[in-house]
Amino acid sequence: GRCSEQTLNQMQYFEISHDMWVSYNITEILRNASIVPHPTQTWTYSDIVAPIKAATKRTPLLR
């Protein structure tokens, strides 16, 4: 998005995003950590970051 405009052009941004999407199935990573849609359950930032970081060996930048 806009935060990467100083670093990447539009094509680079989407190429990197696509490569990441293909490399890591974030939905599956979260599902394996029992983080799934729920009408009342909520999760903390660290609840979500921890399994992603464990699977990708990188700290995601979530907002």
Protein backbone atom coordinates (compact mmCIF):
# COMPACT_ATOMS: atom_id res chain seq x y z
CA GLY A 1 0.00 0.00 0.00
CA ARG A 2 0.80 3.62 0.49
CA CYS A 3 3.40 2.95 3.17
CA SER A 4 5.65 1.30 0.57
CA GLU A 5 5.39 3.99 -2.09
CA GLN A 6 8.82 5.37 -1.21
CA THR A 7 10.42 1.94 -1.60
CA LEU A 8 8.49 -0.05 -4.20
CA ASN A 9 6.63 0.77 -7.36
CA GLN A 10 3.17 -0.71 -7.85
CA MET A 11 4.40 -3.74 -9.79
CA GLN A 12 7.09 -4.55 -7.23
CA TYR A 13 4.57 -4.24 -4.41
CA PHE A 14 2.16 -6.72 -6.00
CA GLU A 15 4.93 -9.12 -7.02
CA ILE A 16 6.25 -9.24 -3.45
CA SER A 17 2.72 -9.58 -2.05
CA HIS A 18 1.98 -12.44 -4.41
CA ASP A 19 5.24 -14.20 -3.57
CA MET A 20 4.42 -13.96 0.13
CA TRP A 21 0.87 -15.20 -0.44
CA VAL A 22 2.16 -18.21 -2.36
CA SER A 23 4.89 -18.95 0.20
CA TYR A 24 2.81 -18.83 3.36
CA ASN A 25 -0.82 -19.77 3.85
CA ILE A 26 -1.63 -17.37 6.68
CA THR A 27 -5.18 -18.71 6.94
CA GLU A 28 -3.83 -22.20 7.55
CA ILE A 29 -1.20 -20.93 9.99
CA LEU A 30 -3.89 -19.19 12.03
CA ARG A 31 -6.28 -22.14 11.77
CA ASN A 32 -3.56 -24.45 13.11
CA ALA A 33 -3.26 -22.09 16.08
CA SER A 34 -7.05 -22.31 16.61
CA ILE A 35 -7.49 -18.73 15.49
CA VAL A 36 -10.64 -18.93 13.42
CA PRO A 37 -13.69 -16.72 13.00
CA HIS A 38 -15.86 -16.85 16.11
CA PRO A 39 -18.86 -14.78 17.18
CA THR A 40 -17.50 -13.96 20.65
CA GLN A 41 -13.87 -15.08 20.88
CA THR A 42 -11.21 -12.41 20.52
CA TRP A 43 -7.45 -12.66 20.26
CA THR A 44 -4.66 -10.37 21.30
CA TYR A 45 -2.06 -9.00 18.96
CA SER A 46 0.50 -11.45 20.34
CA ASP A 47 -1.93 -14.37 19.93
CA ILE A 48 -2.00 -13.64 16.21
CA VAL A 49 1.63 -12.67 15.70
CA ALA A 50 3.15 -15.65 17.53
CA PRO A 51 2.00 -18.43 15.16
CA ILE A 52 2.78 -16.34 12.07
CA LYS A 53 6.25 -15.58 13.39
CA ALA A 54 6.83 -19.24 14.25
CA ALA A 55 5.82 -20.40 10.78
CA THR A 56 7.53 -17.70 8.72
CA LYS A 57 10.51 -16.91 10.96
CA ARG A 58 9.58 -13.25 10.52
CA THR A 59 7.66 -10.79 12.62
CA PRO A 60 4.59 -9.62 10.71
CA LEU A 61 3.74 -5.95 10.68
CA LEU A 62 0.07 -5.91 11.57
CA ARG A 63 -2.02 -2.82 12.07
